[in-house]
C-alpha atoms as a PDB file:
ATOM      1  CA  UNK A   1      -0.067   0.067   0.003  1.00  0.00           C
ATOM      2  CA  UNK A   2       1.235   3.712  -0.922  1.00  0.00           C
ATOM      3  CA  UNK A   3       2.081   6.117   1.886  1.00  0.00           C
ATOM      4  CA  UNK A   4      -0.212   8.834   2.209  1.00  0.00           C
ATOM      5  CA  UNK A   5      -0.057  12.384   1.913  1.00  0.00           C
ATOM      6  CA  UNK A   6      -1.631  15.546   2.482  1.00  0.00           C
ATOM      7  CA  UNK A   7      -2.593  18.605   0.355  1.00  0.00           C
ATOM      8  CA  UNK A   8      -4.773  21.632   0.352  1.00  0.00           C
ATOM      9  CA  UNK A   9      -6.871  20.984  -2.731  1.00  0.00           C
ATOM     10  CA  UNK A  10      -8.762  23.601  -5.288  1.00  0.00           C
ATOM     11  CA  UNK A  11     -11.808  22.593  -6.522  1.00  0.00           C
ATOM     12  CA  UNK A  12     -13.474  26.122  -7.939  1.00  0.00           C
ATOM     13  CA  UNK A  13     -13.243  29.988  -7.467  1.00  0.00           C
ATOM     14  CA  UNK A  14     -15.011  31.132  -4.610  1.00  0.00           C
ATOM     15  CA  UNK A  15     -15.050  27.819  -2.767  1.00  0.00           C
ATOM     16  CA  UNK A  16     -12.937  26.706   0.395  1.00  0.00           C
ATOM     17  CA  UNK A  17      -9.768  24.233  -0.101  1.00  0.00           C
ATOM     18  CA  UNK A  18     -10.346  20.982   1.112  1.00  0.00           C
ATOM     19  CA  UNK A  19      -7.144  19.202   2.906  1.00  0.00           C
ATOM     20  CA  UNK A  20      -7.122  15.929   1.416  1.00  0.00           C
ATOM     21  CA  UNK A  21      -5.550  12.708   1.786  1.00  0.00           C
ATOM     22  CA  UNK A  22      -3.947  10.891  -1.277  1.00  0.00           C
ATOM     23  CA  UNK A  23      -1.549   8.297  -2.486  1.00  0.00           C
ATOM     24  CA  UNK A  24       2.409  10.373  -2.470  1.00  0.00           C
ATOM     25  CA  UNK A  25       2.794  10.340  -6.003  1.00  0.00           C
ATOM     26  CA  UNK A  26       5.640   8.740  -7.849  1.00  0.00           C
ATOM     27  CA  UNK A  27       8.653   9.586  -9.784  1.00  0.00           C
ATOM     28  CA  UNK A  28       7.609   9.698 -13.688  1.00  0.00           C
ATOM     29  CA  UNK A  29      10.750   9.572 -16.375  1.00  0.00           C
ATOM     30  CA  UNK A  30      12.665  13.372 -15.959  1.00  0.00           C
ATOM     31  CA  UNK A  31      10.969  13.943 -12.474  1.00  0.00           C
ATOM     32  CA  UNK A  32      11.755  13.410  -9.289  1.00  0.00           C
ATOM     33  CA  UNK A  33       9.122  13.315  -6.277  1.00  0.00           C
ATOM     34  CA  UNK A  34      10.108  15.917  -3.006  1.00  0.00           C
ATOM     35  CA  UNK A  35       8.872  15.671   0.642  1.00  0.00           C
ATOM     36  CA  UNK A  36       7.885  19.255   0.567  1.00  0.00           C
ATOM     37  CA  UNK A  37       9.478  21.646   3.938  1.00  0.00           C
ATOM     38  CA  UNK A  38       8.441  25.133   3.160  1.00  0.00           C
ATOM     39  CA  UNK A  39       6.508  26.273   0.653  1.00  0.00           C
ATOM     40  CA  UNK A  40       5.730  30.228   0.478  1.00  0.00           C
ATOM     41  CA  UNK A  41       2.322  31.625  -0.104  1.00  0.00           C
ATOM     42  CA  UNK A  42       1.496  33.792  -2.727  1.00  0.00           C
ATOM     43  CA  UNK A  43      -1.481  36.326  -4.493  1.00  0.00           C
ATOM     44  CA  UNK A  44      -1.746  34.623  -7.080  1.00  0.00           C
ATOM     45  CA  UNK A  45      -3.063  31.955  -5.049  1.00  0.00           C
ATOM     46  CA  UNK A  46      -5.445  34.636  -4.000  1.00  0.00           C
ATOM     47  CA  UNK A  47      -6.382  35.298  -7.179  1.00  0.00           C
ATOM     48  CA  UNK A  48      -7.076  31.936  -7.909  1.00  0.00           C
ATOM     49  CA  UNK A  49     -10.142  31.604  -5.276  1.00  0.00           C
ATOM     50  CA  UNK A  50     -11.189  35.055  -5.966  1.00  0.00           C
ATOM     51  CA  UNK A  51     -11.069  35.397  -9.829  1.00  0.00           C
ATOM     52  CA  UNK A  52     -12.963  33.519 -12.334  1.00  0.00           C
ATOM     53  CA  UNK A  53     -10.464  34.016 -14.612  1.00  0.00           C
ATOM     54  CA  UNK A  54      -7.884  31.634 -13.291  1.00  0.00           C
ATOM     55  CA  UNK A  55     -10.364  28.933 -14.140  1.00  0.00           C
ATOM     56  CA  UNK A  56      -8.824  29.539 -17.744  1.00  0.00           C
ATOM     57  CA  UNK A  57      -4.690  29.097 -16.025  1.00  0.00           C
ATOM     58  CA  UNK A  58      -5.397  26.513 -13.526  1.00  0.00           C
ATOM     59  CA  UNK A  59      -5.526  23.615 -16.255  1.00  0.00           C
ATOM     60  CA  UNK A  60      -7.687  20.795 -14.093  1.00  0.00           C
ATOM     61  CA  UNK A  61      -9.503  20.737 -11.105  1.00  0.00           C
ATOM     62  CA  UNK A  62      -9.138  19.695  -8.304  1.00  0.00           C
ATOM     63  CA  UNK A  63      -5.557  20.441  -8.038  1.00  0.00           C
ATOM     64  CA  UNK A  64      -3.541  21.181  -5.144  1.00  0.00           C
ATOM     65  CA  UNK A  65      -2.077  24.679  -5.196  1.00  0.00           C
ATOM     66  CA  UNK A  66       0.892  25.929  -4.354  1.00  0.00           C
ATOM     67  CA  UNK A  67       4.140  26.744  -6.331  1.00  0.00           C
ATOM     68  CA  UNK A  68       6.663  28.346  -3.935  1.00  0.00           C
ATOM     69  CA  UNK A  69       8.726  25.332  -2.783  1.00  0.00           C
ATOM     70  CA  UNK A  70      11.768  23.771  -1.529  1.00  0.00           C
ATOM     71  CA  UNK A  71      12.039  20.155  -0.078  1.00  0.00           C
ATOM     72  CA  UNK A  72      14.147  16.865  -0.368  1.00  0.00           C
ATOM     73  CA  UNK A  73      14.093  14.546  -2.931  1.00  0.00           C
ATOM     74  CA  UNK A  74      12.379  11.423  -2.076  1.00  0.00           C
ATOM     75  CA  UNK A  75      12.290   9.538  -5.632  1.00  0.00           C
ATOM     76  CA  UNK A  76      14.326   9.842  -8.857  1.00  0.00           C
ATOM     77  CA  UNK A  77      12.741   9.285 -12.007  1.00  0.00           C
ATOM     78  CA  UNK A  78      14.237   7.037 -14.758  1.00  0.00           C
ATOM     79  CA  UNK A  79      16.887   9.387 -16.914  1.00  0.00           C
ATOM     80  CA  UNK A  80      17.463  11.849 -13.556  1.00  0.00           C
ATOM     81  CA  UNK A  81      20.937  12.615 -13.369  1.00  0.00           C
ATOM     82  CA  UNK A  82      22.806  14.839 -10.958  1.00  0.00           C
ATOM     83  CA  UNK A  83      20.241  14.423  -8.268  1.00  0.00           C
ATOM     84  CA  UNK A  84      19.866  11.505  -6.061  1.00  0.00           C
ATOM     85  CA  UNK A  85      17.872  11.050  -2.972  1.00  0.00           C
ATOM     86  CA  UNK A  86      18.172  13.304   0.192  1.00  0.00           C
ATOM     87  CA  UNK A  87      19.636  16.065  -1.938  1.00  0.00           C
ATOM     88  CA  UNK A  88      17.698  20.027  -0.619  1.00  0.00           C
ATOM     89  CA  UNK A  89      16.271  21.418  -3.401  1.00  0.00           C
ATOM     90  CA  UNK A  90      14.369  24.372  -4.755  1.00  0.00           C
ATOM     91  CA  UNK A  91      12.078  24.348  -7.140  1.00  0.00           C
ATOM     92  CA  UNK A  92      11.629  26.947 -10.146  1.00  0.00           C
ATOM     93  CA  UNK A  93       7.660  27.591 -10.695  1.00  0.00           C
ATOM     94  CA  UNK A  94       8.048  29.272 -14.152  1.00  0.00           C
ATOM     95  CA  UNK A  95       7.795  25.828 -15.899  1.00  0.00           C
ATOM     96  CA  UNK A  96       6.027  25.429 -19.034  1.00  0.00           C
ATOM     97  CA  UNK A  97       2.288  26.763 -18.205  1.00  0.00           C
ATOM     98  CA  UNK A  98       0.438  23.195 -18.932  1.00  0.00           C
ATOM     99  CA  UNK A  99       2.677  21.467 -16.325  1.00  0.00           C
ATOM    100  CA  UNK A 100       3.699  24.374 -13.633  1.00  0.00           C
ATOM    101  CA  UNK A 101       3.464  23.487  -9.762  1.00  0.00           C
ATOM    102  CA  UNK A 102      -0.310  24.270  -8.978  1.00  0.00           C
ATOM    103  CA  UNK A 103      -1.435  25.104 -12.179  1.00  0.00           C
ATOM    104  CA  UNK A 104      -0.736  21.643 -13.947  1.00  0.00           C
ATOM    105  CA  UNK A 105       0.045  19.400 -11.750  1.00  0.00           C
ATOM    106  CA  UNK A 106       0.062  19.120  -7.706  1.00  0.00           C
ATOM    107  CA  UNK A 107       1.916  21.770  -6.175  1.00  0.00           C
ATOM    108  CA  UNK A 108       3.386  22.678  -2.654  1.00  0.00           C
ATOM    109  CA  UNK A 109       0.872  23.151  -0.423  1.00  0.00           C
ATOM    110  CA  UNK A 110       1.307  19.633   0.549  1.00  0.00           C
ATOM    111  CA  UNK A 111       3.431  17.472   2.226  1.00  0.00           C
ATOM    112  CA  UNK A 112       5.090  16.021  -0.786  1.00  0.00           C
ATOM    113  CA  UNK A 113       4.882  17.181  -4.726  1.00  0.00           C
ATOM    114  CA  UNK A 114       6.906  16.662  -7.854  1.00  0.00           C
ATOM    115  CA  UNK A 115       9.687  18.394 -10.365  1.00  0.00           C
ATOM    116  CA  UNK A 116      11.112  17.944 -13.260  1.00  0.00           C
ATOM    117  CA  UNK A 117      15.065  17.680 -13.161  1.00  0.00           C
ATOM    118  CA  UNK A 118      15.604  20.714 -14.990  1.00  0.00           C
ATOM    119  CA  UNK A 119      13.520  23.223 -12.688  1.00  0.00           C
ATOM    120  CA  UNK A 120      15.551  21.859  -9.466  1.00  0.00           C
ATOM    121  CA  UNK A 121      18.050  24.132  -7.568  1.00  0.00           C
ATOM    122  CA  UNK A 122      20.334  22.692  -5.107  1.00  0.00           C
ATOM    123  CA  UNK A 123      20.344  24.541  -1.599  1.00  0.00           C
ATOM    124  CA  UNK A 124      23.391  25.377  -0.369  1.00  0.00           C
ATOM    125  CA  UNK A 125      24.175  24.134   3.434  1.00  0.00           C
ATOM    126  CA  UNK A 126      23.716  27.287   4.979  1.00  0.00           C
ATOM    127  CA  UNK A 127      20.423  28.276   3.607  1.00  0.00           C
ATOM    128  CA  UNK A 128      17.209  26.902   5.205  1.00  0.00           C
ATOM    129  CA  UNK A 129      14.268  25.428   3.296  1.00  0.00           C
ATOM    130  CA  UNK A 130      12.051  28.631   4.686  1.00  0.00           C
ATOM    131  CA  UNK A 131      14.665  31.103   2.840  1.00  0.00           C
ATOM    132  CA  UNK A 132      15.026  28.980  -0.399  1.00  0.00           C
ATOM    133  CA  UNK A 133      10.895  28.610  -0.610  1.00  0.00           C
ATOM    134  CA  UNK A 134      10.479  32.084  -1.004  1.00  0.00           C
ATOM    135  CA  UNK A 135      13.712  32.702  -2.767  1.00  0.00           C
ATOM    136  CA  UNK A 136      11.383  30.481  -5.525  1.00  0.00           C
ATOM    137  CA  UNK A 137       9.184  33.506  -5.908  1.00  0.00           C
ATOM    138  CA  UNK A 138       9.097  36.498  -4.551  1.00  0.00           C
ATOM    139  CA  UNK A 139      13.079  36.383  -4.811  1.00  0.00           C
ATOM    140  CA  UNK A 140      13.313  35.255  -8.016  1.00  0.00           C
ATOM    141  CA  UNK A 141      10.435  37.979  -9.288  1.00  0.00           C
ATOM    142  CA  UNK A 142      12.205  41.056  -7.777  1.00  0.00           C
ATOM    143  CA  UNK A 143      15.840  39.751  -9.036  1.00  0.00           C
ATOM    144  CA  UNK A 144      14.695  39.199 -12.035  1.00  0.00           C
ATOM    145  CA  UNK A 145      12.936  42.712 -12.660  1.00  0.00           C
ATOM    146  CA  UNK A 146      16.146  44.542 -10.940  1.00  0.00           C
ATOM    147  CA  UNK A 147      18.922  42.450 -12.808  1.00  0.00           C
ATOM    148  CA  UNK A 148      17.703  40.590 -15.729  1.00  0.00           C
ATOM    149  CA  UNK A 149      15.406  43.075 -17.065  1.00  0.00           C
ATOM    150  CA  UNK A 150      16.909  46.088 -15.579  1.00  0.00           C
ATOM    151  CA  UNK A 151      20.269  45.189 -16.114  1.00  0.00           C
ATOM    152  CA  UNK A 152      21.128  47.121 -12.587  1.00  0.00           C
ATOM    153  CA  UNK A 153      24.532  47.166 -12.061  1.00  0.00           C
ATOM    154  CA  UNK A 154      27.746  49.038  -9.664  1.00  0.00           C
ATOM    155  CA  UNK A 155      26.881  52.305  -9.811  1.00  0.00           C
ATOM    156  CA  UNK A 156      23.271  52.794 -11.947  1.00  0.00           C
ATOM    157  CA  UNK A 157      20.653  55.024 -10.809  1.00  0.00           C
ATOM    158  CA  UNK A 158      17.808  52.909 -10.328  1.00  0.00           C
ATOM    159  CA  UNK A 159      14.336  53.934  -8.764  1.00  0.00           C
ATOM    160  CA  UNK A 160      11.892  51.276  -7.150  1.00  0.00           C
ATOM    161  CA  UNK A 161       8.490  52.239  -6.610  1.00  0.00           C
ATOM    162  CA  UNK A 162       6.533  50.470  -4.013  1.00  0.00           C
ATOM    163  CA  UNK A 163       8.670  49.001  -0.805  1.00  0.00           C
ATOM    164  CA  UNK A 164       6.143  45.963  -0.521  1.00  0.00           C
ATOM    165  CA  UNK A 165       7.321  42.539  -0.586  1.00  0.00           C
ATOM    166  CA  UNK A 166       9.392  42.140  -3.618  1.00  0.00           C
ATOM    167  CA  UNK A 167      10.102  46.195  -3.909  1.00  0.00           C
ATOM    168  CA  UNK A 168      11.838  45.472  -0.324  1.00  0.00           C
ATOM    169  CA  UNK A 169      13.348  42.520  -2.033  1.00  0.00           C
ATOM    170  CA  UNK A 170      14.430  44.703  -5.657  1.00  0.00           C
ATOM    171  CA  UNK A 171      15.696  47.058  -2.733  1.00  0.00           C
ATOM    172  CA  UNK A 172      18.151  45.009  -1.430  1.00  0.00           C
ATOM    173  CA  UNK A 173      19.500  43.274  -5.078  1.00  0.00           C
ATOM    174  CA  UNK A 174      20.091  46.631  -6.254  1.00  0.00           C
ATOM    175  CA  UNK A 175      22.105  47.678  -3.265  1.00  0.00           C
ATOM    176  CA  UNK A 176      23.804  44.706  -3.421  1.00  0.00           C
ATOM    177  CA  UNK A 177      24.675  44.900  -6.816  1.00  0.00           C
ATOM    178  CA  UNK A 178      26.450  48.523  -5.734  1.00  0.00           C
ATOM    179  CA  UNK A 179      23.463  50.479  -7.525  1.00  0.00           C
ATOM    180  CA  UNK A 180      22.663  53.783  -5.782  1.00  0.00           C
ATOM    181  CA  UNK A 181      18.889  53.355  -4.516  1.00  0.00           C
ATOM    182  CA  UNK A 182      15.816  55.966  -4.789  1.00  0.00           C
ATOM    183  CA  UNK A 183      12.436  54.242  -3.691  1.00  0.00           C
ATOM    184  CA  UNK A 184       9.114  55.645  -3.933  1.00  0.00           C
ATOM    185  CA  UNK A 185       6.736  54.853  -1.400  1.00  0.00           C
ATOM    186  CA  UNK A 186       3.770  56.296   0.072  1.00  0.00           C
ATOM    187  CA  UNK A 187       4.294  54.510   3.424  1.00  0.00           C
ATOM    188  CA  UNK A 188       6.665  56.307   5.409  1.00  0.00           C
ATOM    189  CA  UNK A 189       7.439  53.339   7.500  1.00  0.00           C
ATOM    190  CA  UNK A 190       8.359  51.496   4.022  1.00  0.00           C
ATOM    191  CA  UNK A 191      10.294  54.581   3.406  1.00  0.00           C
ATOM    192  CA  UNK A 192      12.262  54.418   6.444  1.00  0.00           C
ATOM    193  CA  UNK A 193      12.902  50.549   6.467  1.00  0.00           C
ATOM    194  CA  UNK A 194      14.373  50.910   2.819  1.00  0.00           C
ATOM    195  CA  UNK A 195      16.563  53.715   3.876  1.00  0.00           C
ATOM    196  CA  UNK A 196      17.576  51.699   6.736  1.00  0.00           C
ATOM    197  CA  UNK A 197      18.165  49.043   4.167  1.00  0.00           C
ATOM    198  CA  UNK A 198      20.661  51.158   2.316  1.00  0.00           C
ATOM    199  CA  UNK A 199      18.481  53.013   0.100  1.00  0.00           C
ATOM    200  CA  UNK A 200      20.080  56.656  -0.901  1.00  0.00           C
ATOM    201  CA  UNK A 201      17.028  58.487  -0.952  1.00  0.00           C
ATOM    202  CA  UNK A 202      12.967  57.806  -0.169  1.00  0.00           C
ATOM    203  CA  UNK A 203       9.763  60.122  -1.323  1.00  0.00           C
ATOM    204  CA  UNK A 204       6.246  59.452  -1.616  1.00  0.00           C
ATOM    205  CA  UNK A 205       6.472  59.794  -5.299  1.00  0.00           C
ATOM    206  CA  UNK A 206       9.382  58.964  -7.814  1.00  0.00           C
ATOM    207  CA  UNK A 207       8.431  62.358  -9.803  1.00  0.00           C
ATOM    208  CA  UNK A 208      10.223  63.844  -6.994  1.00  0.00           C
ATOM    209  CA  UNK A 209      13.475  62.543  -7.844  1.00  0.00           C
ATOM    210  CA  UNK A 210      12.918  63.438 -11.930  1.00  0.00           C
ATOM    211  CA  UNK A 211      16.244  65.471 -12.092  1.00  0.00           C
ATOM    212  CA  UNK A 212      18.560  63.252 -10.555  1.00  0.00           C
ATOM    213  CA  UNK A 213      19.026  61.114 -13.554  1.00  0.00           C
ATOM    214  CA  UNK A 214      17.243  57.609 -12.449  1.00  0.00           C
ATOM    215  CA  UNK A 215      18.496  55.335 -15.452  1.00  0.00           C
ATOM    216  CA  UNK A 216      16.243  52.527 -14.451  1.00  0.00           C
ATOM    217  CA  UNK A 217      12.590  52.671 -12.938  1.00  0.00           C
ATOM    218  CA  UNK A 218      11.495  49.582 -11.429  1.00  0.00           C
ATOM    219  CA  UNK A 219       7.322  49.928 -10.932  1.00  0.00           C
ATOM    220  CA  UNK A 220       6.579  47.285  -8.354  1.00  0.00           C
ATOM    221  CA  UNK A 221       3.655  48.731  -7.953  1.00  0.00           C
ATOM    222  CA  UNK A 222       2.205  48.918 -11.769  1.00  0.00           C
ATOM    223  CA  UNK A 223      -1.225  51.051 -10.289  1.00  0.00           C
ATOM    224  CA  UNK A 224      -1.305  53.054 -13.666  1.00  0.00           C
ATOM    225  CA  UNK A 225      -0.553  56.483 -12.124  1.00  0.00           C
ATOM    226  CA  UNK A 226       2.911  54.769 -10.862  1.00  0.00           C
ATOM    227  CA  UNK A 227       3.677  53.766 -14.495  1.00  0.00           C
ATOM    228  CA  UNK A 228       3.139  57.003 -15.918  1.00  0.00           C
ATOM    229  CA  UNK A 229       5.358  58.794 -13.751  1.00  0.00           C
ATOM    230  CA  UNK A 230       8.039  56.452 -13.717  1.00  0.00           C
ATOM    231  CA  UNK A 231       7.823  57.591 -17.471  1.00  0.00           C
ATOM    232  CA  UNK A 232       8.306  61.288 -16.601  1.00  0.00           C
ATOM    233  CA  UNK A 233      10.790  60.412 -13.905  1.00  0.00           C
ATOM    234  CA  UNK A 234      13.098  58.293 -15.687  1.00  0.00           C
ATOM    235  CA  UNK A 235      16.172  60.002 -17.597  1.00  0.00           C
ATOM    236  CA  UNK A 236      16.584  60.346 -21.013  1.00  0.00           C
ATOM    237  CA  UNK A 237      17.241  57.117 -22.868  1.00  0.00           C
ATOM    238  CA  UNK A 238      16.380  55.237 -19.597  1.00  0.00           C
ATOM    239  CA  UNK A 239      14.080  52.453 -19.109  1.00  0.00           C
ATOM    240  CA  UNK A 240      10.883  51.425 -17.018  1.00  0.00           C
ATOM    241  CA  UNK A 241      10.398  47.905 -16.294  1.00  0.00           C
ATOM    242  CA  UNK A 242       6.837  47.093 -15.152  1.00  0.00           C
ATOM    243  CA  UNK A 243       6.359  44.577 -12.210  1.00  0.00           C
ATOM    244  CA  UNK A 244       3.280  44.975 -10.613  1.00  0.00           C
ATOM    245  CA  UNK A 245       0.006  44.420 -11.897  1.00  0.00           C
ATOM    246  CA  UNK A 246      -2.393  46.294  -9.046  1.00  0.00           C
ATOM    247  CA  UNK A 247      -3.720  47.934 -12.423  1.00  0.00           C
ATOM    248  CA  UNK A 248      -3.992  45.810 -15.853  1.00  0.00           C
ATOM    249  CA  UNK A 249      -4.350  49.326 -17.537  1.00  0.00           C
ATOM    250  CA  UNK A 250      -1.836  52.185 -18.200  1.00  0.00           C
ATOM    251  CA  UNK A 251      -2.189  55.367 -19.819  1.00  0.00           C
ATOM    252  CA  UNK A 252       1.473  56.857 -20.749  1.00  0.00           C
ATOM    253  CA  UNK A 253       2.917  60.049 -22.202  1.00  0.00           C
ATOM    254  CA  UNK A 254       3.849  58.923 -25.721  1.00  0.00           C
ATOM    255  CA  UNK A 255       5.907  62.180 -25.898  1.00  0.00           C
ATOM    256  CA  UNK A 256       7.724  61.869 -23.143  1.00  0.00           C
ATOM    257  CA  UNK A 257       8.148  58.354 -24.329  1.00  0.00           C
ATOM    258  CA  UNK A 258       9.166  59.431 -27.940  1.00  0.00           C
ATOM    259  CA  UNK A 259      11.126  62.276 -26.706  1.00  0.00           C
ATOM    260  CA  UNK A 260      13.485  60.337 -24.080  1.00  0.00           C
ATOM    261  CA  UNK A 261      14.057  57.372 -26.726  1.00  0.00           C
ATOM    262  CA  UNK A 262      12.900  55.531 -23.503  1.00  0.00           C
ATOM    263  CA  UNK A 263      12.166  52.093 -23.046  1.00  0.00           C
ATOM    264  CA  UNK A 264       8.687  50.521 -21.182  1.00  0.00           C
ATOM    265  CA  UNK A 265       9.538  46.944 -20.571  1.00  0.00           C
ATOM    266  CA  UNK A 266       7.097  43.720 -19.228  1.00  0.00           C
ATOM    267  CA  UNK A 267       9.079  41.405 -16.502  1.00  0.00           C
ATOM    268  CA  UNK A 268       7.336  38.211 -15.451  1.00  0.00           C
ATOM    269  CA  UNK A 269       8.371  35.633 -13.275  1.00  0.00           C
ATOM    270  CA  UNK A 270      12.527  34.359 -13.727  1.00  0.00           C
ATOM    271  CA  UNK A 271      14.603  31.502 -14.088  1.00  0.00           C
ATOM    272  CA  UNK A 272      16.272  28.772 -12.448  1.00  0.00           C
ATOM    273  CA  UNK A 273      19.571  30.842 -13.050  1.00  0.00           C
ATOM    274  CA  UNK A 274      18.128  33.837 -11.025  1.00  0.00           C
ATOM    275  CA  UNK A 275      17.333  31.540  -7.907  1.00  0.00           C
ATOM    276  CA  UNK A 276      20.882  30.339  -7.840  1.00  0.00           C
ATOM    277  CA  UNK A 277      22.150  33.997  -7.796  1.00  0.00           C
ATOM    278  CA  UNK A 278      19.930  34.559  -5.123  1.00  0.00           C
ATOM    279  CA  UNK A 279      20.329  31.233  -3.190  1.00  0.00           C
ATOM    280  CA  UNK A 280      23.886  32.090  -3.503  1.00  0.00           C
ATOM    281  CA  UNK A 281      23.730  35.233  -2.166  1.00  0.00           C
ATOM    282  CA  UNK A 282      21.729  33.557   1.177  1.00  0.00           C
ATOM    283  CA  UNK A 283      24.624  31.358   1.732  1.00  0.00           C
ATOM    284  CA  UNK A 284      27.422  34.766   1.918  1.00  0.00           C
ATOM    285  CA  UNK A 285      24.659  36.207   4.363  1.00  0.00           C
ATOM    286  CA  UNK A 286      24.030  39.114   1.921  1.00  0.00           C
ATOM    287  CA  UNK A 287      20.398  38.607   1.099  1.00  0.00           C
ATOM    288  CA  UNK A 288      17.584  37.546   3.783  1.00  0.00           C
ATOM    289  CA  UNK A 289      13.677  37.140   2.786  1.00  0.00           C
ATOM    290  CA  UNK A 290      11.367  38.765   5.706  1.00  0.00           C
ATOM    291  CA  UNK A 291       9.267  35.750   6.594  1.00  0.00           C
ATOM    292  CA  UNK A 292       6.601  34.175   9.079  1.00  0.00           C
ATOM    293  CA  UNK A 293       6.395  30.703   9.279  1.00  0.00           C
ATOM    294  CA  UNK A 294       3.059  29.052   9.614  1.00  0.00           C
ATOM    295  CA  UNK A 295       1.671  25.300   9.639  1.00  0.00           C
ATOM    296  CA  UNK A 296       0.072  23.015   6.376  1.00  0.00           C
ATOM    297  CA  UNK A 297      -2.954  23.679   8.592  1.00  0.00           C
ATOM    298  CA  UNK A 298      -3.202  27.306   8.577  1.00  0.00           C
ATOM    299  CA  UNK A 299      -2.752  27.914   4.503  1.00  0.00           C
ATOM    300  CA  UNK A 300      -6.252  29.001   4.408  1.00  0.00           C
ATOM    301  CA  UNK A 301      -6.454  31.524   7.020  1.00  0.00           C
ATOM    302  CA  UNK A 302      -3.036  32.593   5.362  1.00  0.00           C
ATOM    303  CA  UNK A 303      -3.896  33.225   2.066  1.00  0.00           C
ATOM    304  CA  UNK A 304      -7.533  35.099   4.056  1.00  0.00           C
ATOM    305  CA  UNK A 305      -4.762  37.236   5.733  1.00  0.00           C
ATOM    306  CA  UNK A 306      -2.946  38.395   2.365  1.00  0.00           C
ATOM    307  CA  UNK A 307      -6.566  38.915   0.622  1.00  0.00           C
ATOM    308  CA  UNK A 308      -7.190  41.372   3.922  1.00  0.00           C
ATOM    309  CA  UNK A 309      -3.470  43.170   3.284  1.00  0.00           C
ATOM    310  CA  UNK A 310      -2.634  42.217   6.556  1.00  0.00           C
ATOM    311  CA  UNK A 311       0.971  40.798   6.035  1.00  0.00           C
ATOM    312  CA  UNK A 312       3.514  42.546   6.753  1.00  0.00           C
ATOM    313  CA  UNK A 313       6.208  39.449   5.343  1.00  0.00           C
ATOM    314  CA  UNK A 314       6.610  36.853   3.241  1.00  0.00           C
ATOM    315  CA  UNK A 315       4.115  33.622   4.840  1.00  0.00           C
ATOM    316  CA  UNK A 316       6.039  30.455   4.503  1.00  0.00           C
ATOM    317  CA  UNK A 317       4.031  27.587   5.546  1.00  0.00           C
ATOM    318  CA  UNK A 318       6.480  24.363   6.967  1.00  0.00           C
ATOM    319  CA  UNK A 319       5.842  20.602   7.635  1.00  0.00           C
ATOM    320  CA  UNK A 320       8.022  20.006  10.626  1.00  0.00           C
END
């Protein structure tokens, strides 16, 4: 008889998750089975519970959701090389849409899950499972926007709009790269936090820095006006990278876009290489994600807190 696992199953929008017990999956060719040690809670999972549009994104139901996880390999499928039972791994969630965890196969709000070998990232001994799980989505998305799409490097003058979870990490990554960081947030506490972390200047609006020669502006808010303001504030030849989706439409000044020869770029997710870079920074003690641990049983409560805006750090489910 197969051993059993537990997981939170999504069945339909506007219906609560259901805690189920089922057989632990077996490793198919090219895949591994992972005992989940930690899984981050993400706003996209709140979206799945609240927005019927997600029924077109999630490939089948019922399905165990959760896409931001780390754990220990318990079984290796045929053809898998470079990994063995007992290895500590994180999983990159940016897999082909039809097969991503929580979208095309059972994900990480569970005691066991699976992953294709090409999306595994070894966890350094110095990094714990909670930090590794948070690195796979919150960390990856911020890093990819700042370093991958933004091209931020030593000496870059970079503006960051929105100092929430992603913006806080974006601030850390830009500072670690040696950039000169200007942050914009309506929250005084967030501005103070960013300055304490090493940002150069902070203000309520990115427009306060329109004469500072910002080469790159990362918009972690994406609230229509924030993107328009970023284009007004960026220096000639500069780029605006949009990450946030608070508004799915924006109106920009095409005159500014043309005269400045500026670029407006989108950024989504990231790559296994981005996650490896973050884990290396964590290993060296240069980056740490602010997290709050909860149990498997508390996942629905945690998603409700996310929905209500009552979370100040990254919630991570932990299986003891």
